[in-house]
Protein backbone atom coordinates (compact mmCIF):
# COMPACT_ATOMS: atom_id res chain seq x y z
CA UNK A 1 88.88 126.48 125.72
CA UNK A 2 89.26 123.33 123.62
CA UNK A 3 86.94 123.04 120.68
CA UNK A 4 84.37 120.26 120.61
CA UNK A 5 84.11 117.69 117.84
CA UNK A 6 80.92 119.08 116.31
CA UNK A 7 82.20 122.65 116.30
CA UNK A 8 85.43 121.55 114.64
CA UNK A 9 83.43 119.55 112.09
CA UNK A 10 81.35 122.63 111.26
CA UNK A 11 84.49 124.65 110.65
CA UNK A 12 85.95 121.90 108.47
CA UNK A 13 82.77 121.75 106.41
CA UNK A 14 82.81 125.54 106.15
CA UNK A 15 86.34 125.51 104.76
CA UNK A 16 87.60 127.69 107.62
CA UNK A 17 91.20 126.59 107.44
CA UNK A 18 92.76 129.30 109.58
CA UNK A 19 90.14 129.01 112.31
CA UNK A 20 90.73 125.24 112.42
CA UNK A 21 94.47 125.83 112.53
CA UNK A 22 94.13 128.26 115.43
CA UNK A 23 92.16 125.59 117.27
CA UNK A 24 94.85 123.01 116.57
CA UNK A 25 97.53 125.37 117.87
CA UNK A 26 95.46 125.72 121.04
CA UNK A 27 95.60 121.96 121.43
CA UNK A 28 99.39 122.01 121.08
CA UNK A 29 99.78 124.88 123.52
CA UNK A 30 97.60 123.08 126.06
CA UNK A 31 100.04 120.16 126.02
CA UNK A 32 98.16 117.75 123.77
CA UNK A 33 100.40 115.32 121.92
CA UNK A 34 99.98 113.80 118.47
CA UNK A 35 98.09 110.77 119.77
CA UNK A 36 95.45 113.02 121.29
CA UNK A 37 95.28 115.48 118.40
CA UNK A 38 94.87 112.75 115.81
CA UNK A 39 92.73 110.20 117.62
CA UNK A 40 90.70 112.24 120.11
CA UNK A 41 90.28 115.48 118.19
CA UNK A 42 90.74 115.40 114.42
CA UNK A 43 89.66 111.84 113.57
CA UNK A 44 86.35 112.03 115.50
CA UNK A 45 85.51 115.30 113.75
CA UNK A 46 86.11 113.74 110.34
CA UNK A 47 84.05 110.67 111.29
CA UNK A 48 81.26 113.05 112.27
CA UNK A 49 81.56 114.78 108.87
CA UNK A 50 81.29 111.35 107.25
CA UNK A 51 78.18 110.51 109.24
CA UNK A 52 76.55 113.77 108.14
CA UNK A 53 77.28 112.89 104.52
CA UNK A 54 75.89 109.37 104.97
CA UNK A 55 72.66 110.90 106.29
CA UNK A 56 72.49 113.32 103.33
CA UNK A 57 72.78 116.26 105.72
CA UNK A 58 75.76 117.64 103.80
CA UNK A 59 76.78 117.30 100.15
CA UNK A 60 79.70 115.46 98.60
CA UNK A 61 81.21 118.89 97.93
CA UNK A 62 80.98 119.72 101.65
CA UNK A 63 82.68 116.45 102.56
CA UNK A 64 85.45 117.04 100.04
CA UNK A 65 86.02 120.55 101.35
CA UNK A 66 86.28 119.27 104.91
CA UNK A 67 88.72 116.60 103.76
CA UNK A 68 90.86 119.21 102.02
CA UNK A 69 91.03 121.35 105.14
CA UNK A 70 91.86 118.30 107.25
CA UNK A 71 94.75 117.41 104.97
CA UNK A 72 96.13 120.95 105.20
CA UNK A 73 95.93 120.80 109.00
CA UNK A 74 97.77 117.49 109.13
CA UNK A 75 100.52 118.74 106.83
CA UNK A 76 101.01 121.96 108.79
CA UNK A 77 100.93 120.13 112.11
CA UNK A 78 103.57 117.63 110.95
CA UNK A 79 105.89 120.57 110.28
CA UNK A 80 105.54 121.61 113.93
CA UNK A 81 106.43 118.23 115.37
CA UNK A 82 110.04 117.46 116.20
CA UNK A 83 110.65 113.79 115.35
CA UNK A 84 112.77 111.44 117.40
CA UNK A 85 116.27 110.57 116.26
CA UNK A 86 116.27 108.46 113.07
CA UNK A 87 116.23 104.79 114.02
CA UNK A 88 117.37 103.44 110.65
CA UNK A 89 114.05 101.75 109.95
CA UNK A 90 111.71 102.31 107.02
CA UNK A 91 107.95 102.22 106.66
CA UNK A 92 105.63 102.43 103.67
CA UNK A 93 101.90 103.04 103.91
CA UNK A 94 99.14 102.51 101.39
CA UNK A 95 95.47 101.77 100.85
CA UNK A 96 94.42 98.73 98.87
CA UNK A 97 93.20 99.16 95.31
CA UNK A 98 89.97 101.20 95.00
CA UNK A 99 90.14 102.19 98.69
CA UNK A 100 89.82 105.98 98.81
CA UNK A 101 89.71 106.66 102.58
CA UNK A 102 93.23 107.45 103.70
CA UNK A 103 93.21 109.99 106.55
CA UNK A 104 93.64 107.37 109.25
CA UNK A 105 96.55 105.85 107.34
CA UNK A 106 98.12 109.27 106.91
CA UNK A 107 97.99 109.72 110.67
CA UNK A 108 99.68 106.33 111.05
CA UNK A 109 102.42 107.35 108.63
CA UNK A 110 102.90 110.64 110.48
CA UNK A 111 103.21 108.83 113.81
CA UNK A 112 105.87 106.49 112.41
CA UNK A 113 107.79 109.48 111.07
CA UNK A 114 107.53 111.17 114.46
CA UNK A 115 108.97 108.03 116.06
CA UNK A 116 112.09 108.19 113.87
CA UNK A 117 111.18 106.02 110.88
CA UNK A 118 111.90 107.05 107.31
CA UNK A 119 108.49 106.86 105.65
CA UNK A 120 106.81 106.76 102.28
CA UNK A 121 103.09 107.46 102.11
CA UNK A 122 101.54 106.11 98.92
CA UNK A 123 98.02 107.17 99.77
CA UNK A 124 94.77 105.73 98.41
CA UNK A 125 94.07 103.18 95.69
CA UNK A 126 97.47 101.57 95.10
CA UNK A 127 97.29 98.40 92.94
CA UNK A 128 99.10 95.41 94.41
CA UNK A 129 101.63 95.16 91.57
CA UNK A 130 102.68 98.76 92.17
CA UNK A 131 102.79 98.22 95.93
CA UNK A 132 105.12 95.28 95.37
CA UNK A 133 107.37 97.29 93.08
CA UNK A 134 107.50 100.12 95.60
CA UNK A 135 108.33 97.73 98.41
CA UNK A 136 111.04 95.92 96.46
CA UNK A 137 112.67 99.27 95.70
CA UNK A 138 112.21 100.89 99.14
CA UNK A 139 112.82 97.71 101.20
CA UNK A 140 110.63 98.75 104.13
CA UNK A 141 110.82 97.15 107.55
CA UNK A 142 107.15 97.91 108.16
CA UNK A 143 104.24 98.06 105.69
CA UNK A 144 100.99 99.66 106.79
CA UNK A 145 97.72 98.84 105.01
CA UNK A 146 94.29 100.39 105.41
CA UNK A 147 90.81 99.32 104.37
CA UNK A 148 87.44 100.73 105.38
CA UNK A 149 85.03 99.21 102.83
CA UNK A 150 83.75 95.69 103.43
CA UNK A 151 83.97 94.52 99.83
CA UNK A 152 87.69 95.42 99.77
CA UNK A 153 88.51 92.83 102.45
CA UNK A 154 89.32 89.99 99.98
CA UNK A 155 91.90 92.28 98.36
CA UNK A 156 93.40 92.93 101.78
CA UNK A 157 94.22 89.24 102.13
CA UNK A 158 96.00 89.28 98.77
CA UNK A 159 98.08 92.29 99.82
CA UNK A 160 99.03 90.75 103.16
CA UNK A 161 100.06 87.46 101.56
CA UNK A 162 102.14 89.11 98.85
CA UNK A 163 103.77 91.91 100.85
CA UNK A 164 104.47 89.75 103.88
CA UNK A 165 106.32 87.26 101.66
CA UNK A 166 108.82 89.80 100.37
CA UNK A 167 112.55 89.37 101.09
CA UNK A 168 113.32 90.67 104.53
CA UNK A 169 109.87 89.67 105.81
CA UNK A 170 108.57 93.17 106.57
CA UNK A 171 106.09 93.50 109.41
CA UNK A 172 102.60 94.13 108.02
CA UNK A 173 100.26 96.24 110.12
CA UNK A 174 96.60 96.81 109.32
CA UNK A 175 94.10 99.42 110.40
CA UNK A 176 90.51 100.16 109.47
CA UNK A 177 87.11 100.20 111.15
CA UNK A 178 85.78 97.11 109.34
CA UNK A 179 88.54 94.75 110.42
CA UNK A 180 87.30 93.59 113.83
CA UNK A 181 83.55 93.29 113.11
CA UNK A 182 84.21 90.92 110.21
CA UNK A 183 86.84 88.80 111.95
CA UNK A 184 89.61 89.58 109.50
CA UNK A 185 92.03 90.01 112.38
CA UNK A 186 91.52 86.33 113.28
CA UNK A 187 91.91 85.06 109.73
CA UNK A 188 95.23 86.84 109.20
CA UNK A 189 96.54 86.83 112.78
CA UNK A 190 99.66 84.84 111.86
CA UNK A 191 100.56 87.17 108.99
CA UNK A 192 99.78 90.69 110.17
CA UNK A 193 99.37 92.91 113.22
CA UNK A 194 96.04 94.69 113.74
CA UNK A 195 96.10 98.11 115.39
CA UNK A 196 92.59 99.59 115.71
CA UNK A 197 93.80 102.72 117.55
CA UNK A 198 96.84 104.98 117.38
CA UNK A 199 97.48 104.37 121.07
CA UNK A 200 97.82 100.65 120.40
CA UNK A 201 99.98 101.42 117.38
CA UNK A 202 102.29 103.56 119.50
CA UNK A 203 102.62 100.69 121.99
CA UNK A 204 103.42 98.35 119.10
CA UNK A 205 106.14 100.72 117.87
CA UNK A 206 107.63 100.77 121.38
CA UNK A 207 107.74 96.97 121.39
CA UNK A 208 109.12 96.81 117.86
CA UNK A 209 111.95 99.26 118.58
CA UNK A 210 112.76 97.56 121.89
CA UNK A 211 112.99 94.16 120.21
CA UNK A 212 115.09 95.66 117.43
CA UNK A 213 117.48 97.28 119.91
CA UNK A 214 117.73 94.01 121.87
CA UNK A 215 118.63 92.07 118.72
CA UNK A 216 121.36 94.57 117.86
CA UNK A 217 122.84 94.24 121.35
CA UNK A 218 122.86 90.44 121.05
CA UNK A 219 124.62 90.66 117.71
């Protein structure tokens, strides 16, 4: 029997790593793919944990413990997944400066890796100057950015402008729950791609790889 979101959240908060892992393995054995496991199972549980913290029903320590267990689960799950053949493309993924919420972005990075991209995950709170240095060295084809705090949105615009202007014109994709309600997707529509769900991201990857393959055939 598949575990419900609230039950999983309780186990995350309780630091029950192995019980959570057993539940994840059940998901795999029942035929669930990464899109389901990340978006329909693990992410909702972590959002529920966050809502409990916002209501002062759990402590910061509880939330940190749940986050630690979640990270372990994601790392162990990634080791189970057999990625597609390398496609020769690179992706780098980061949160804007002072942005600490990175689990969604880590799922994005994992999905790109599963789809055959070489990836670098820079995690939370990466200053723009360091992001630029990393990108100039790594030369990514795709750069993924994440923001979940409203007052970080002006920084997001700076990152999109700077990273999208790099040599090679990497595709910039953006995720985060605050994007659509504040109309940021409209203001930067000509400079970045907005992917509110992993399902939409997977469709975008399909289109990106198809276009890339078509260009190579034409050449």
